[in-house]
N, C-alpha and C. Protein backbone atom coordinates (compact mmCIF):
# COMPACT_ATOMS: atom_id res chain seq x y z
N MET A 1 0.84 -1.18 0.00
CA MET A 1 0.00 0.00 0.00
C MET A 1 0.88 1.24 0.00
N VAL A 2 0.55 2.19 -0.85
CA VAL A 2 1.28 3.44 -0.95
C VAL A 2 0.61 4.47 -0.04
N ASN A 3 1.40 5.07 0.84
CA ASN A 3 0.91 6.13 1.71
C ASN A 3 1.64 7.42 1.37
N ILE A 4 0.88 8.50 1.31
CA ILE A 4 1.44 9.80 1.00
C ILE A 4 1.24 10.71 2.20
N TYR A 5 2.33 11.36 2.60
CA TYR A 5 2.29 12.28 3.74
C TYR A 5 2.67 13.67 3.25
N ILE A 6 1.85 14.64 3.57
CA ILE A 6 2.15 16.03 3.27
C ILE A 6 2.29 16.76 4.59
N GLU A 7 3.48 17.33 4.80
CA GLU A 7 3.81 17.98 6.06
C GLU A 7 3.48 17.07 7.25
N GLY A 8 3.83 15.80 7.13
CA GLY A 8 3.65 14.83 8.20
C GLY A 8 2.26 14.27 8.36
N GLN A 9 1.32 14.71 7.52
CA GLN A 9 -0.07 14.26 7.64
C GLN A 9 -0.41 13.28 6.51
N LEU A 10 -0.91 12.12 6.87
CA LEU A 10 -1.32 11.12 5.89
C LEU A 10 -2.54 11.63 5.13
N ILE A 11 -2.46 11.65 3.79
CA ILE A 11 -3.59 12.12 3.00
C ILE A 11 -4.43 10.94 2.54
N ASP A 12 -5.71 11.21 2.31
CA ASP A 12 -6.61 10.21 1.75
C ASP A 12 -6.38 10.13 0.25
N GLN A 13 -6.55 8.92 -0.30
CA GLN A 13 -6.36 8.71 -1.73
C GLN A 13 -7.54 7.96 -2.31
N PHE A 14 -7.75 8.13 -3.61
CA PHE A 14 -8.74 7.32 -4.30
C PHE A 14 -8.19 5.90 -4.41
N ASN A 15 -9.06 4.90 -4.30
CA ASN A 15 -8.62 3.51 -4.39
C ASN A 15 -8.08 3.14 -5.77
N ASP A 16 -8.62 3.79 -6.81
CA ASP A 16 -8.22 3.43 -8.18
C ASP A 16 -7.19 4.37 -8.79
N GLU A 17 -6.67 5.31 -8.03
CA GLU A 17 -5.68 6.29 -8.54
C GLU A 17 -4.29 5.81 -8.18
N SER A 18 -3.40 5.78 -9.17
CA SER A 18 -2.02 5.38 -8.89
C SER A 18 -1.12 6.60 -8.90
N VAL A 19 0.00 6.46 -8.23
CA VAL A 19 1.00 7.52 -8.18
C VAL A 19 2.23 6.99 -8.92
N GLU A 20 2.54 7.61 -10.06
CA GLU A 20 3.69 7.20 -10.85
C GLU A 20 4.85 8.12 -10.56
N VAL A 21 5.91 7.57 -9.94
CA VAL A 21 7.11 8.35 -9.68
C VAL A 21 8.13 8.00 -10.74
N VAL A 22 8.67 9.03 -11.39
CA VAL A 22 9.67 8.86 -12.44
C VAL A 22 11.05 9.11 -11.85
N SER A 23 11.94 8.15 -11.99
CA SER A 23 13.33 8.30 -11.57
C SER A 23 14.19 8.19 -12.81
N GLN A 24 15.11 9.14 -12.98
CA GLN A 24 15.96 9.12 -14.15
C GLN A 24 17.36 8.66 -13.79
N VAL A 25 17.96 7.92 -14.69
CA VAL A 25 19.32 7.44 -14.51
C VAL A 25 20.27 8.51 -15.04
N LEU A 26 21.41 8.64 -14.41
CA LEU A 26 22.40 9.63 -14.79
C LEU A 26 22.80 9.49 -16.25
N ASP A 27 22.72 10.58 -16.99
CA ASP A 27 23.17 10.62 -18.38
C ASP A 27 24.54 11.27 -18.37
N ILE A 28 25.58 10.47 -18.45
CA ILE A 28 26.94 10.97 -18.34
C ILE A 28 27.32 11.87 -19.51
N GLU A 29 26.60 11.76 -20.63
CA GLU A 29 26.89 12.59 -21.79
C GLU A 29 26.58 14.06 -21.51
N ASP A 30 25.51 14.33 -20.78
CA ASP A 30 25.14 15.72 -20.48
C ASP A 30 24.50 15.76 -19.10
N ILE A 31 25.34 15.95 -18.08
CA ILE A 31 24.83 15.89 -16.70
C ILE A 31 23.91 17.05 -16.36
N THR A 32 23.88 18.10 -17.19
CA THR A 32 22.99 19.22 -16.91
C THR A 32 21.54 18.84 -17.18
N LYS A 33 21.32 17.77 -17.93
CA LYS A 33 19.96 17.34 -18.26
C LYS A 33 19.40 16.32 -17.29
N VAL A 34 20.19 15.94 -16.30
CA VAL A 34 19.74 14.96 -15.31
C VAL A 34 18.77 15.63 -14.36
N LYS A 35 17.59 15.08 -14.27
CA LYS A 35 16.56 15.61 -13.38
C LYS A 35 16.32 14.63 -12.25
N GLY A 36 15.83 15.12 -11.15
CA GLY A 36 15.54 14.27 -10.01
C GLY A 36 14.20 13.56 -10.17
N ASP A 37 13.81 12.89 -9.12
CA ASP A 37 12.54 12.16 -9.11
C ASP A 37 11.37 13.13 -9.13
N TYR A 38 10.29 12.71 -9.78
CA TYR A 38 9.06 13.49 -9.81
C TYR A 38 7.92 12.55 -10.12
N SER A 39 6.71 13.02 -9.89
CA SER A 39 5.54 12.21 -10.26
C SER A 39 4.76 12.93 -11.34
N LYS A 40 4.01 12.14 -12.06
CA LYS A 40 3.01 12.72 -12.94
C LYS A 40 1.92 13.25 -12.01
N THR A 41 1.06 14.14 -12.51
CA THR A 41 0.00 14.63 -11.63
C THR A 41 -0.91 13.47 -11.25
N PHE A 42 -1.43 13.54 -10.05
CA PHE A 42 -2.41 12.56 -9.60
C PHE A 42 -3.45 13.28 -8.76
N THR A 43 -4.58 12.64 -8.61
CA THR A 43 -5.73 13.27 -7.97
C THR A 43 -6.05 12.57 -6.66
N VAL A 44 -6.39 13.36 -5.67
CA VAL A 44 -6.82 12.84 -4.37
C VAL A 44 -8.20 13.43 -4.05
N PRO A 45 -9.01 12.72 -3.28
CA PRO A 45 -10.36 13.21 -3.00
C PRO A 45 -10.37 14.42 -2.06
N ALA A 46 -11.43 15.18 -2.14
CA ALA A 46 -11.63 16.30 -1.22
C ALA A 46 -12.35 15.77 0.02
N SER A 47 -11.65 14.92 0.76
CA SER A 47 -12.19 14.33 1.98
C SER A 47 -12.01 15.31 3.14
N LYS A 48 -12.56 14.97 4.29
CA LYS A 48 -12.38 15.82 5.47
C LYS A 48 -10.90 16.00 5.80
N VAL A 49 -10.15 14.90 5.72
CA VAL A 49 -8.72 14.94 6.01
C VAL A 49 -8.00 15.85 5.02
N ASN A 50 -8.22 15.63 3.73
CA ASN A 50 -7.52 16.42 2.71
C ASN A 50 -7.96 17.88 2.72
N ASN A 51 -9.22 18.12 2.98
CA ASN A 51 -9.69 19.51 3.07
C ASN A 51 -9.01 20.25 4.23
N ARG A 52 -8.75 19.52 5.31
CA ARG A 52 -8.07 20.12 6.45
C ARG A 52 -6.60 20.44 6.08
N ILE A 53 -5.96 19.56 5.33
CA ILE A 53 -4.57 19.78 4.92
C ILE A 53 -4.49 20.96 3.94
N PHE A 54 -5.39 20.99 2.96
CA PHE A 54 -5.35 22.02 1.91
C PHE A 54 -6.24 23.23 2.22
N LYS A 55 -6.59 23.43 3.48
CA LYS A 55 -7.54 24.49 3.84
C LYS A 55 -7.07 25.86 3.34
N HIS A 56 -8.01 26.59 2.84
CA HIS A 56 -7.79 27.95 2.33
C HIS A 56 -6.72 28.02 1.25
N TRP A 57 -6.59 26.97 0.44
CA TRP A 57 -5.60 26.92 -0.64
C TRP A 57 -5.78 28.08 -1.63
N TYR A 58 -6.97 28.58 -1.74
CA TYR A 58 -7.33 29.61 -2.70
C TYR A 58 -6.89 31.01 -2.28
N ASN A 59 -6.46 31.18 -1.01
CA ASN A 59 -6.08 32.50 -0.52
C ASN A 59 -4.88 32.37 0.42
N ALA A 60 -3.69 32.61 -0.12
CA ALA A 60 -2.45 32.43 0.65
C ALA A 60 -2.30 33.43 1.79
N SER A 61 -3.09 34.48 1.80
CA SER A 61 -2.95 35.48 2.86
C SER A 61 -3.69 35.09 4.15
N ILE A 62 -4.44 34.01 4.11
CA ILE A 62 -5.13 33.55 5.32
C ILE A 62 -4.13 32.80 6.19
N GLU A 63 -3.92 33.28 7.39
CA GLU A 63 -2.95 32.67 8.30
C GLU A 63 -3.38 31.26 8.66
N GLY A 64 -2.42 30.34 8.60
CA GLY A 64 -2.69 28.95 8.93
C GLY A 64 -3.26 28.15 7.77
N GLY A 65 -3.43 28.79 6.63
CA GLY A 65 -3.95 28.11 5.45
C GLY A 65 -2.83 27.49 4.63
N PHE A 66 -3.20 26.75 3.61
CA PHE A 66 -2.25 26.09 2.72
C PHE A 66 -1.89 27.06 1.60
N ASP A 67 -0.61 27.25 1.36
CA ASP A 67 -0.15 28.15 0.30
C ASP A 67 0.11 27.33 -0.96
N ALA A 68 -0.81 27.36 -1.91
CA ALA A 68 -0.72 26.56 -3.13
C ALA A 68 0.34 27.08 -4.09
N ARG A 69 0.96 28.20 -3.79
CA ARG A 69 2.00 28.75 -4.66
C ARG A 69 3.36 28.12 -4.41
N THR A 70 3.50 27.40 -3.30
CA THR A 70 4.80 26.84 -2.93
C THR A 70 4.72 25.33 -2.78
N LYS A 71 5.88 24.70 -2.91
CA LYS A 71 5.99 23.27 -2.66
C LYS A 71 6.12 23.05 -1.16
N VAL A 72 5.49 21.98 -0.68
CA VAL A 72 5.55 21.67 0.75
C VAL A 72 6.16 20.29 0.97
N LYS A 73 6.82 20.13 2.10
CA LYS A 73 7.51 18.87 2.40
C LYS A 73 6.54 17.71 2.50
N GLY A 74 7.06 16.55 2.09
CA GLY A 74 6.26 15.35 2.20
C GLY A 74 7.07 14.13 1.85
N ASN A 75 6.43 12.99 1.93
CA ASN A 75 7.12 11.74 1.58
C ASN A 75 6.12 10.68 1.13
N ILE A 76 6.67 9.68 0.49
CA ILE A 76 5.88 8.55 0.01
C ILE A 76 6.45 7.29 0.65
N ASP A 77 5.58 6.49 1.24
CA ASP A 77 5.96 5.20 1.82
C ASP A 77 5.26 4.09 1.06
N ILE A 78 5.92 2.96 0.96
CA ILE A 78 5.30 1.77 0.37
C ILE A 78 5.32 0.68 1.42
N ASP A 79 4.15 0.21 1.78
CA ASP A 79 3.99 -0.81 2.82
C ASP A 79 4.75 -0.45 4.09
N GLY A 80 4.69 0.84 4.48
CA GLY A 80 5.31 1.30 5.71
C GLY A 80 6.80 1.56 5.61
N ILE A 81 7.39 1.35 4.44
CA ILE A 81 8.82 1.57 4.25
C ILE A 81 9.02 2.87 3.48
N PRO A 82 9.86 3.78 3.98
CA PRO A 82 10.09 5.03 3.25
C PRO A 82 10.58 4.77 1.83
N PHE A 83 9.96 5.46 0.86
CA PHE A 83 10.31 5.28 -0.55
C PHE A 83 10.96 6.53 -1.10
N LYS A 84 10.29 7.66 -1.02
CA LYS A 84 10.82 8.92 -1.55
C LYS A 84 10.49 10.06 -0.59
N THR A 85 11.41 10.98 -0.45
CA THR A 85 11.20 12.20 0.33
C THR A 85 11.37 13.37 -0.61
N GLY A 86 10.52 14.37 -0.46
CA GLY A 86 10.62 15.53 -1.32
C GLY A 86 9.57 16.55 -0.99
N LYS A 87 8.98 17.10 -2.04
CA LYS A 87 7.96 18.14 -1.86
C LYS A 87 6.78 17.89 -2.80
N PHE A 88 5.63 18.40 -2.37
CA PHE A 88 4.41 18.29 -3.15
C PHE A 88 3.94 19.68 -3.56
N LEU A 89 3.33 19.74 -4.73
CA LEU A 89 2.77 20.99 -5.22
C LEU A 89 1.32 20.76 -5.59
N LEU A 90 0.44 21.59 -5.02
CA LEU A 90 -0.98 21.54 -5.36
C LEU A 90 -1.17 22.25 -6.69
N ARG A 91 -1.62 21.52 -7.69
CA ARG A 91 -1.80 22.08 -9.03
C ARG A 91 -3.16 22.74 -9.20
N LYS A 92 -4.20 22.05 -8.73
CA LYS A 92 -5.54 22.61 -8.88
C LYS A 92 -6.52 21.88 -7.98
N ALA A 93 -7.66 22.48 -7.80
CA ALA A 93 -8.78 21.87 -7.09
C ALA A 93 -9.95 21.83 -8.05
N LYS A 94 -10.61 20.70 -8.10
CA LYS A 94 -11.78 20.57 -8.98
C LYS A 94 -13.02 20.93 -8.18
N ILE A 95 -13.79 21.85 -8.72
CA ILE A 95 -15.00 22.32 -8.04
C ILE A 95 -16.21 22.01 -8.91
N GLU A 96 -17.17 21.33 -8.33
CA GLU A 96 -18.42 21.00 -9.04
C GLU A 96 -19.59 21.47 -8.19
N GLY A 97 -20.43 22.31 -8.77
CA GLY A 97 -21.58 22.82 -8.04
C GLY A 97 -21.20 23.61 -6.80
N GLY A 98 -20.05 24.29 -6.86
CA GLY A 98 -19.61 25.09 -5.73
C GLY A 98 -18.94 24.30 -4.61
N ILE A 99 -18.72 23.00 -4.83
CA ILE A 99 -18.11 22.15 -3.81
C ILE A 99 -16.84 21.52 -4.37
N ILE A 100 -15.77 21.55 -3.60
CA ILE A 100 -14.52 20.92 -4.02
C ILE A 100 -14.70 19.41 -4.00
N THR A 101 -14.36 18.76 -5.12
CA THR A 101 -14.49 17.30 -5.19
C THR A 101 -13.15 16.58 -5.19
N SER A 102 -12.08 17.26 -5.64
CA SER A 102 -10.76 16.62 -5.65
C SER A 102 -9.66 17.66 -5.79
N TYR A 103 -8.44 17.19 -5.51
CA TYR A 103 -7.24 18.02 -5.65
C TYR A 103 -6.27 17.29 -6.58
N THR A 104 -5.57 18.03 -7.41
CA THR A 104 -4.55 17.46 -8.28
C THR A 104 -3.19 17.95 -7.79
N ILE A 105 -2.28 17.00 -7.54
CA ILE A 105 -0.98 17.34 -6.99
C ILE A 105 0.15 16.63 -7.74
N ASN A 106 1.39 17.10 -7.51
CA ASN A 106 2.61 16.51 -8.05
C ASN A 106 3.59 16.31 -6.91
N PHE A 107 4.46 15.33 -7.08
CA PHE A 107 5.57 15.09 -6.16
C PHE A 107 6.87 15.43 -6.87
N PHE A 108 7.80 16.05 -6.14
CA PHE A 108 9.14 16.34 -6.65
C PHE A 108 10.15 15.87 -5.61
N GLY A 109 11.13 15.09 -6.02
CA GLY A 109 12.18 14.65 -5.10
C GLY A 109 12.96 15.83 -4.58
N ASN A 110 13.73 15.60 -3.53
CA ASN A 110 14.50 16.69 -2.92
C ASN A 110 15.51 17.31 -3.88
N VAL A 111 16.06 16.52 -4.77
CA VAL A 111 16.98 17.05 -5.77
C VAL A 111 16.24 17.07 -7.10
N THR A 112 15.99 18.27 -7.61
CA THR A 112 15.26 18.36 -8.87
C THR A 112 16.17 18.30 -10.08
N SER A 113 17.45 18.60 -9.89
CA SER A 113 18.41 18.46 -10.97
C SER A 113 19.81 18.36 -10.39
N PHE A 114 20.74 17.84 -11.20
CA PHE A 114 22.13 17.72 -10.77
C PHE A 114 22.70 19.10 -10.44
N LYS A 115 22.25 20.11 -11.15
CA LYS A 115 22.71 21.48 -10.92
C LYS A 115 22.33 21.94 -9.50
N ASP A 116 21.21 21.42 -8.95
CA ASP A 116 20.83 21.76 -7.58
C ASP A 116 21.89 21.29 -6.59
N ILE A 117 22.56 20.20 -6.92
CA ILE A 117 23.56 19.63 -6.02
C ILE A 117 24.86 20.43 -6.09
N ILE A 118 25.34 20.71 -7.31
CA ILE A 118 26.65 21.35 -7.43
C ILE A 118 26.58 22.86 -7.57
N GLY A 119 25.39 23.42 -7.81
CA GLY A 119 25.24 24.87 -7.92
C GLY A 119 26.01 25.40 -9.10
N ASP A 120 26.77 26.46 -8.88
CA ASP A 120 27.56 27.07 -9.95
C ASP A 120 29.00 26.55 -9.99
N ASP A 121 29.30 25.56 -9.16
CA ASP A 121 30.64 24.99 -9.17
C ASP A 121 30.95 24.34 -10.50
N LYS A 122 32.22 24.29 -10.81
CA LYS A 122 32.71 23.59 -11.99
C LYS A 122 33.21 22.23 -11.52
N LEU A 123 33.29 21.27 -12.42
CA LEU A 123 33.80 19.95 -12.04
C LEU A 123 35.20 20.05 -11.43
N THR A 124 35.98 21.00 -11.89
CA THR A 124 37.33 21.17 -11.33
C THR A 124 37.29 21.66 -9.89
N ASP A 125 36.17 22.25 -9.47
CA ASP A 125 36.03 22.75 -8.09
C ASP A 125 35.68 21.65 -7.10
N LEU A 126 35.20 20.52 -7.59
CA LEU A 126 34.74 19.44 -6.71
C LEU A 126 35.92 18.67 -6.12
N ASN A 127 35.79 18.27 -4.88
CA ASN A 127 36.82 17.50 -4.20
C ASN A 127 36.47 16.03 -4.30
N PHE A 128 37.26 15.27 -5.01
CA PHE A 128 37.00 13.84 -5.19
C PHE A 128 37.80 12.98 -4.22
N GLY A 129 38.52 13.61 -3.29
CA GLY A 129 39.39 12.86 -2.38
C GLY A 129 38.74 12.43 -1.12
């Protein structure tokens, strides 16, 4: 069973929705194109639990609300074993008849690209010893 935690809180998921995490293998030919882990967008229900996590997503100026403009910490576990740690981004909320029915989110690993690791350093600047 896959469990998703956003800011330490277990979110509810649809039974038939899968979370696809893409991991890329290092391309030694062009290391600038190496990207970190990420997921395709996936949808979660607007349950009481998820509504509490994403409360006030539509207005970042409300204190204590969810800021949908930023990525927030989270992790993915498989059968209780940590799988990936990173951040989640709320992409959109689906509203039908004035009521939120679901949220669409993405996962991004802690390292989004090789450049995030080395910054502006050159390979000659790195210490291999």
